[in-house]
Amino acid sequence: MKDREHSVHWEAPEHTHIEKTSDWYWILGILAVSASIASMIFNNVLFGIAILLGAAAMAIVSHRGPRVIEFEISARGIRIGNDLHPYATLESYYLDENNTENPQLILKSKKTFVPLIILAIPEEYIGIIEDIVASRLYEEHLEEPLSHRLLEIVGF
């Protein structure tokens, strides 16, 4: 039961949802069709089709709201929904308390396809989370990737 005392649980939406206006969808459509036509002019039909499919997927995903996910940080590792990330699969962490929206816990993973794991954390758990994670990982200055920030600016 000692591990239960040193764990933090919370629920949060998987991302910050921004309602899109019809203008956003029109701009997405115009850009996708223009890029698709340009790629077809340059004899790259397959890429043009991929652009249209990607834009359609973006429109569908951006329309639905975010799911609420359970998070847990414990002695075993970091659980996001049903996925457990043991500390053995993580290299380092950084607590970004100065983020404009929410404090974030940024974790550097050893996995190739998941290099960074970024969690929005409640302000009241910052100290507890730092105590748990600092005893298992070393702290390294990590930043949210530019691609994440660009997607937030675009409203994704």
Protein backbone atom coordinates (compact mmCIF):
# COMPACT_ATOMS: atom_id res chain seq x y z
CA MET A 1 0.00 0.00 0.00
CA LYS A 2 2.99 2.31 0.31
CA ASP A 3 3.09 2.70 -3.51
CA ARG A 4 -0.55 3.81 -3.45
CA GLU A 5 0.39 6.65 -1.10
CA HIS A 6 3.03 7.83 -3.56
CA SER A 7 0.89 8.06 -6.65
CA VAL A 8 -1.11 10.78 -8.31
CA HIS A 9 -4.30 10.26 -10.34
CA TRP A 10 -6.21 12.77 -12.42
CA GLU A 11 -8.38 13.01 -15.51
CA ALA A 12 -7.96 15.51 -18.30
CA PRO A 13 -8.98 15.97 -21.93
CA GLU A 14 -6.46 14.53 -24.40
CA HIS A 15 -5.95 17.99 -25.91
CA THR A 16 -7.29 21.51 -25.69
CA HIS A 17 -10.28 21.66 -28.03
CA ILE A 18 -10.79 24.80 -30.06
CA GLU A 19 -14.14 25.14 -31.85
CA LYS A 20 -13.56 25.60 -35.57
CA THR A 21 -15.62 27.99 -37.62
CA SER A 22 -16.77 27.21 -41.13
CA ASP A 23 -14.02 29.55 -42.37
CA TRP A 24 -11.39 27.18 -40.90
CA TYR A 25 -12.83 24.28 -42.90
CA TRP A 26 -13.02 26.40 -46.08
CA ILE A 27 -9.37 27.42 -45.72
CA LEU A 28 -8.36 23.79 -45.13
CA GLY A 29 -10.30 22.70 -48.21
CA ILE A 30 -8.93 25.45 -50.45
CA LEU A 31 -5.34 24.78 -49.36
CA ALA A 32 -5.74 21.02 -49.80
CA VAL A 33 -7.33 21.29 -53.25
CA SER A 34 -4.72 23.84 -54.38
CA ALA A 35 -1.81 21.71 -53.17
CA SER A 36 -3.37 18.62 -54.71
CA ILE A 37 -3.83 20.31 -58.09
CA ALA A 38 -0.27 21.63 -57.98
CA SER A 39 1.10 18.17 -57.27
CA MET A 40 -0.97 16.72 -60.12
CA ILE A 41 0.36 19.38 -62.49
CA PHE A 42 3.85 18.18 -61.56
CA ASN A 43 2.82 14.60 -62.44
CA ASN A 44 2.58 13.41 -58.85
CA VAL A 45 -1.01 12.15 -58.74
CA LEU A 46 -0.48 9.83 -55.79
CA PHE A 47 0.81 12.69 -53.62
CA GLY A 48 -2.20 14.81 -54.67
CA ILE A 49 -4.56 12.06 -53.53
CA ALA A 50 -2.62 11.71 -50.25
CA ILE A 51 -3.02 15.47 -49.63
CA LEU A 52 -6.79 15.25 -50.12
CA LEU A 53 -7.09 12.21 -47.85
CA GLY A 54 -4.96 13.90 -45.18
CA ALA A 55 -7.10 17.04 -45.30
CA ALA A 56 -10.27 14.97 -45.01
CA ALA A 57 -8.83 13.14 -42.00
CA MET A 58 -7.85 16.48 -40.40
CA ALA A 59 -11.36 17.83 -40.88
CA ILE A 60 -12.97 14.74 -39.33
CA VAL A 61 -10.59 14.58 -36.35
CA SER A 62 -10.79 18.32 -35.66
CA HIS A 63 -14.58 18.24 -35.59
CA ARG A 64 -14.92 15.75 -32.74
CA GLY A 65 -14.18 16.78 -29.18
CA PRO A 66 -11.33 15.38 -27.09
CA ARG A 67 -11.72 12.24 -25.00
CA VAL A 68 -11.18 12.41 -21.25
CA ILE A 69 -8.14 10.32 -20.32
CA GLU A 70 -7.03 9.01 -16.94
CA PHE A 71 -3.44 9.75 -15.92
CA GLU A 72 -1.46 8.18 -13.10
CA ILE A 73 2.10 8.74 -11.95
CA SER A 74 3.27 6.09 -9.52
CA ALA A 75 6.32 4.09 -8.48
CA ARG A 76 5.66 1.64 -11.34
CA GLY A 77 5.66 4.27 -14.08
CA ILE A 78 3.42 6.69 -15.89
CA ARG A 79 0.03 5.47 -17.03
CA ILE A 80 -1.84 7.31 -19.78
CA GLY A 81 -5.21 5.69 -20.32
CA ASN A 82 -4.45 1.96 -20.59
CA ASP A 83 -0.78 2.44 -21.58
CA LEU A 84 1.86 2.11 -18.89
CA HIS A 85 5.25 3.70 -19.53
CA PRO A 86 7.67 2.10 -17.02
CA TYR A 87 10.56 4.25 -15.89
CA ALA A 88 12.95 1.82 -17.62
CA THR A 89 11.58 3.06 -20.98
CA LEU A 90 12.10 6.73 -20.06
CA GLU A 91 15.36 8.70 -20.09
CA SER A 92 14.63 12.05 -18.45
CA TYR A 93 11.94 14.55 -17.50
CA TYR A 94 11.29 18.27 -17.33
CA LEU A 95 8.57 20.09 -15.42
CA ASP A 96 7.54 23.15 -17.41
CA GLU A 97 5.70 25.27 -14.87
CA ASN A 98 5.84 28.42 -17.01
CA ASN A 99 3.65 27.12 -19.83
CA THR A 100 1.01 29.66 -20.83
CA GLU A 101 -1.95 27.26 -20.50
CA ASN A 102 -1.09 24.55 -17.97
CA PRO A 103 2.02 23.22 -16.30
CA GLN A 104 3.44 20.34 -18.34
CA LEU A 105 5.47 17.26 -17.58
CA ILE A 106 7.68 16.49 -20.57
CA LEU A 107 9.22 13.02 -20.63
CA LYS A 108 11.96 11.85 -22.97
CA SER A 109 11.34 8.27 -24.03
CA LYS A 110 13.78 5.63 -25.25
CA LYS A 111 11.21 4.49 -27.81
CA THR A 112 11.91 5.46 -31.41
CA PHE A 113 8.38 6.40 -32.44
CA VAL A 114 7.46 8.17 -29.19
CA PRO A 115 10.43 10.47 -28.48
CA LEU A 116 8.55 12.87 -26.18
CA ILE A 117 5.52 12.38 -23.96
CA ILE A 118 3.86 15.64 -22.92
CA LEU A 119 1.29 15.69 -20.12
CA ALA A 120 -0.71 18.67 -18.90
CA ILE A 121 -0.68 18.37 -15.12
CA PRO A 122 -2.83 20.01 -12.45
CA GLU A 123 -1.03 22.77 -10.54
CA GLU A 124 -1.85 21.26 -7.15
CA TYR A 125 0.11 18.07 -7.97
CA ILE A 126 3.36 19.66 -9.19
CA GLY A 127 5.32 19.02 -5.98
CA ILE A 128 4.13 15.44 -5.56
CA ILE A 129 4.79 14.61 -9.22
CA GLU A 130 8.29 16.08 -9.02
CA ASP A 131 9.05 14.03 -5.89
CA ILE A 132 7.94 10.79 -7.56
CA VAL A 133 9.61 11.36 -10.93
CA ALA A 134 12.84 12.98 -9.66
CA SER A 135 13.70 9.90 -7.63
CA ARG A 136 13.57 7.72 -10.76
CA LEU A 137 14.68 9.91 -13.69
CA TYR A 138 17.16 12.71 -14.07
CA GLU A 139 16.02 16.21 -14.97
CA GLU A 140 16.96 17.61 -18.37
CA HIS A 141 15.73 20.80 -20.01
CA LEU A 142 13.19 19.65 -22.64
CA GLU A 143 10.89 21.80 -24.73
CA GLU A 144 7.65 21.21 -26.52
CA PRO A 145 8.46 20.57 -30.19
CA LEU A 146 7.85 23.30 -32.75
CA SER A 147 5.38 21.04 -34.57
CA HIS A 148 3.16 20.91 -31.43
CA ARG A 149 3.22 24.67 -31.07
CA LEU A 150 2.41 25.17 -34.76
CA LEU A 151 -0.54 22.78 -34.56
CA GLU A 152 -1.84 24.71 -31.52
CA ILE A 153 -1.55 28.00 -33.42
CA VAL A 154 -3.47 26.53 -36.36
CA GLY A 155 -6.13 25.36 -33.91
CA PHE A 156 -5.52 21.66 -33.91
